[in-house]
Amino acid sequence: MPNKEGRIPPSQGLLSPLGIPVSIEKRPGNWQSIYATRDSDSDCLIKQFMALKANTAYFPVATGISNKRLMARMLGKMGLEALALRAIAAGIGTEEITHNKELDELREFVRYGKGPEHWPYHERRIYPAGFVFVSGAEAYEVLHEFTLLYTTEHELFFIFANLGVEYVLNLGGPTIEGFSGWLNKNSNRSPLYDSAIPE
């Protein structure tokens, strides 16, 4: 995916059987180039290609978040900070949050890794990466956004979206079933939007 300058950062890999670190980069005109990551390997790479031997290049591909516990701790920290931000904006002050016993379990989990081994969160894509929003004559991308959802079942959820991927964590305890129930009652829409599909 292109960065802010419109460039796609090169991917790092390894050329077998020589074990040469290589980079592959997408260039304008819909073509790609492969080159030695270290300048000192350039001559060896060219000789390998000129020999017309079979070569295999390996490029690792990210397939998702591997450590869901760390992700849950990060979402919990963000959720507590979002809650504090809302409290300050409402003129309540952060004492209501820091002294709230119902948030103790999450605080212990976030700060020290104590508590449940698994604090589940809900993850889904709500719009494609690079989705362009239109408001009047203005078109823009949303990199990240968040909100808080308090349900009729008295559960408080932190909702965070990053490049169209939505993450939801229950701030009151290690359960996510309440959010699944909320989705069923609300046509599967994101709490970030009033309609099912962003406009």
Protein backbone atom coordinates (compact mmCIF):
# COMPACT_ATOMS: atom_id res chain seq x y z
CA MET A 1 0.00 0.00 0.00
CA PRO A 2 1.42 3.45 -0.93
CA ASN A 3 2.70 5.74 1.80
CA LYS A 4 1.91 9.48 2.06
CA GLU A 5 4.39 10.25 -0.73
CA GLY A 6 2.64 7.76 -3.02
CA ARG A 7 5.53 5.29 -2.87
CA ILE A 8 5.23 1.64 -1.95
CA PRO A 9 8.06 0.80 0.48
CA PRO A 10 10.29 -2.06 -0.70
CA SER A 11 9.83 -5.54 0.76
CA GLN A 12 12.86 -7.31 2.23
CA GLY A 13 13.60 -10.93 1.40
CA LEU A 14 16.28 -13.53 0.79
CA LEU A 15 17.53 -15.04 -2.47
CA SER A 16 18.21 -18.76 -2.33
CA PRO A 17 20.49 -20.69 -2.65
CA LEU A 18 23.13 -17.97 -2.04
CA GLY A 19 21.36 -16.36 0.91
CA ILE A 20 21.68 -12.84 -0.47
CA PRO A 21 19.39 -10.25 1.17
CA VAL A 22 17.29 -8.70 -1.59
CA SER A 23 14.61 -6.04 -1.85
CA ILE A 24 11.70 -5.88 -4.25
CA GLU A 25 10.08 -2.58 -5.10
CA LYS A 26 7.04 -1.65 -7.15
CA ARG A 27 7.83 1.17 -9.57
CA PRO A 28 5.66 3.53 -11.65
CA GLY A 29 4.27 1.91 -14.78
CA ASN A 30 3.17 -1.23 -12.93
CA TRP A 31 6.53 -3.01 -12.95
CA GLN A 32 8.79 -4.26 -10.17
CA SER A 33 12.52 -4.30 -9.60
CA ILE A 34 14.57 -6.65 -7.46
CA TYR A 35 18.00 -5.66 -6.20
CA ALA A 36 20.60 -6.55 -3.58
CA THR A 37 19.78 -4.90 -0.26
CA ARG A 38 23.51 -4.47 0.47
CA ASP A 39 25.58 -2.75 -2.22
CA SER A 40 28.41 -5.20 -1.55
CA ASP A 41 26.17 -8.06 -2.83
CA SER A 42 25.24 -6.38 -6.14
CA ASP A 43 27.98 -8.01 -8.26
CA CYS A 44 27.23 -11.47 -6.85
CA LEU A 45 23.51 -11.02 -7.53
CA ILE A 46 24.13 -9.94 -11.14
CA LYS A 47 26.42 -12.96 -11.72
CA GLN A 48 23.77 -15.25 -10.29
CA PHE A 49 21.13 -13.84 -12.63
CA MET A 50 23.49 -13.92 -15.66
CA ALA A 51 24.23 -17.60 -15.03
CA LEU A 52 20.53 -18.25 -15.81
CA LYS A 53 20.27 -20.63 -12.89
CA ALA A 54 17.04 -21.22 -11.05
CA ASN A 55 16.70 -18.84 -8.12
CA THR A 56 14.08 -18.63 -5.43
CA ALA A 57 13.38 -15.45 -3.49
CA TYR A 58 11.54 -15.58 -0.17
CA PHE A 59 9.60 -12.57 1.06
CA PRO A 60 7.80 -12.77 4.43
CA VAL A 61 4.17 -11.65 4.29
CA ALA A 62 2.26 -10.36 7.30
CA THR A 63 -0.95 -12.35 7.68
CA GLY A 64 -2.32 -10.74 10.84
CA ILE A 65 -1.54 -10.11 14.46
CA SER A 66 0.37 -13.02 15.92
CA ASN A 67 0.29 -12.02 19.59
CA LYS A 68 -3.35 -11.41 20.44
CA ARG A 69 -2.59 -10.97 24.15
CA LEU A 70 -0.31 -7.99 23.47
CA MET A 71 -2.87 -6.59 21.06
CA ALA A 72 -5.58 -6.88 23.72
CA ARG A 73 -3.35 -5.10 26.25
CA MET A 74 -2.69 -2.29 23.77
CA LEU A 75 -6.41 -1.95 22.98
CA GLY A 76 -7.16 -1.89 26.69
CA LYS A 77 -4.62 0.89 27.27
CA MET A 78 -6.06 2.88 24.38
CA GLY A 79 -9.57 2.29 25.71
CA LEU A 80 -8.70 3.59 29.18
CA GLU A 81 -7.08 6.66 27.65
CA ALA A 82 -10.11 7.24 25.40
CA LEU A 83 -12.35 6.99 28.45
CA ALA A 84 -10.17 9.52 30.32
CA LEU A 85 -10.28 11.84 27.32
CA ARG A 86 -14.09 11.71 27.25
CA ALA A 87 -14.25 12.31 31.01
CA ILE A 88 -12.03 15.39 30.75
CA ALA A 89 -14.08 16.72 27.82
CA ALA A 90 -17.25 16.27 29.88
CA GLY A 91 -15.71 18.10 32.85
CA ILE A 92 -15.86 15.00 35.03
CA GLY A 93 -12.13 14.58 35.66
CA THR A 94 -10.03 11.44 35.57
CA GLU A 95 -10.60 10.54 39.24
CA GLU A 96 -13.88 8.87 38.28
CA ILE A 97 -11.87 6.51 36.09
CA THR A 98 -8.78 5.96 38.23
CA HIS A 99 -10.90 5.09 41.27
CA ASN A 100 -13.51 3.05 39.40
CA LYS A 101 -13.30 -0.51 40.76
CA GLU A 102 -15.04 -1.91 37.67
CA LEU A 103 -11.93 -1.00 35.64
CA ASP A 104 -9.42 -2.57 38.05
CA GLU A 105 -9.27 -5.89 36.20
CA LEU A 106 -8.50 -4.15 32.90
CA ARG A 107 -5.89 -1.88 34.52
CA GLU A 108 -4.09 -4.89 36.04
CA PHE A 109 -4.19 -6.68 32.68
CA VAL A 110 -2.94 -3.65 30.73
CA ARG A 111 -0.20 -2.51 33.11
CA TYR A 112 1.15 -5.76 34.50
CA GLY A 113 -0.22 -8.54 32.29
CA LYS A 114 -2.10 -9.96 35.29
CA GLY A 115 -5.50 -11.59 35.13
CA PRO A 116 -6.93 -13.71 32.34
CA GLU A 117 -4.65 -15.38 29.84
CA HIS A 118 -6.97 -14.31 27.03
CA TRP A 119 -8.91 -11.02 26.87
CA PRO A 120 -10.94 -11.46 23.68
CA TYR A 121 -11.54 -8.67 21.21
CA HIS A 122 -13.61 -8.47 18.03
CA GLU A 123 -11.79 -7.79 14.75
CA ARG A 124 -13.21 -7.22 11.27
CA ARG A 125 -12.70 -5.06 8.18
CA ILE A 126 -15.44 -2.43 7.86
CA TYR A 127 -14.17 -0.77 4.68
CA PRO A 128 -11.29 -1.41 2.25
CA ALA A 129 -7.80 -0.06 2.88
CA GLY A 130 -7.48 3.21 0.99
CA PHE A 131 -11.26 3.81 1.09
CA VAL A 132 -12.03 7.40 0.04
CA PHE A 133 -14.70 9.24 2.01
CA VAL A 134 -16.54 12.11 0.35
CA SER A 135 -18.04 15.05 2.22
CA GLY A 136 -19.43 17.67 -0.13
CA ALA A 137 -16.61 18.52 -2.53
CA GLU A 138 -13.93 17.15 -0.21
CA ALA A 139 -12.48 13.65 -0.54
CA TYR A 140 -10.31 12.20 2.21
CA GLU A 141 -8.99 9.00 3.79
CA VAL A 142 -9.43 8.10 7.45
CA LEU A 143 -6.27 6.61 8.95
CA HIS A 144 -7.71 5.85 12.39
CA GLU A 145 -10.76 6.64 14.48
CA PHE A 146 -12.35 5.56 17.76
CA THR A 147 -15.47 5.77 19.86
CA LEU A 148 -16.99 4.28 23.02
CA LEU A 149 -20.18 2.23 23.05
CA TYR A 150 -22.31 1.80 26.17
CA THR A 151 -25.00 -0.80 25.57
CA THR A 152 -28.42 -1.27 27.15
CA GLU A 153 -26.88 -4.30 28.92
CA HIS A 154 -24.55 -1.87 30.75
CA GLU A 155 -21.38 -2.97 28.96
CA LEU A 156 -18.76 -0.43 27.85
CA PHE A 157 -16.84 -1.19 24.66
CA PHE A 158 -13.87 0.61 23.11
CA ILE A 159 -14.08 0.69 19.30
CA PHE A 160 -10.95 1.53 17.30
CA ALA A 161 -10.47 1.40 13.53
CA ASN A 162 -7.12 1.55 11.76
CA LEU A 163 -7.11 1.78 7.94
CA GLY A 164 -10.56 0.19 7.84
CA VAL A 165 -9.94 -2.65 10.33
CA GLU A 166 -12.19 -2.36 13.38
CA TYR A 167 -11.15 -3.66 16.81
CA VAL A 168 -13.59 -3.85 19.73
CA LEU A 169 -12.68 -4.56 23.36
CA ASN A 170 -14.93 -4.79 26.41
CA LEU A 171 -13.55 -2.43 29.06
CA GLY A 172 -15.53 -4.07 31.84
CA GLY A 173 -14.33 -7.66 31.52
CA PRO A 174 -12.79 -10.37 29.31
CA THR A 175 -15.88 -11.16 27.27
CA ILE A 176 -17.01 -10.07 23.81
CA GLU A 177 -20.40 -11.80 23.50
CA GLY A 178 -22.25 -8.59 24.39
CA PHE A 179 -20.84 -6.88 21.31
CA SER A 180 -21.91 -9.78 19.09
CA GLY A 181 -25.41 -9.33 20.46
CA TRP A 182 -25.28 -5.60 19.76
CA LEU A 183 -24.24 -6.30 16.15
CA ASN A 184 -27.21 -8.63 15.67
CA LYS A 185 -29.60 -5.95 16.91
CA ASN A 186 -28.03 -3.21 14.77
CA SER A 187 -27.77 -4.77 11.30
CA ASN A 188 -24.08 -5.57 11.77
CA ARG A 189 -23.12 -1.90 11.38
CA SER A 190 -20.06 -0.38 13.01
CA PRO A 191 -20.68 1.79 16.09
CA LEU A 192 -18.43 4.32 14.34
CA TYR A 193 -21.14 5.00 11.73
CA ASP A 194 -24.88 5.52 11.65
CA SER A 195 -25.23 3.35 8.55
CA ALA A 196 -23.86 -0.07 7.61
CA ILE A 197 -21.54 1.32 4.91
CA PRO A 198 -19.49 4.51 5.39
CA GLU A 199 -20.51 7.30 3.03
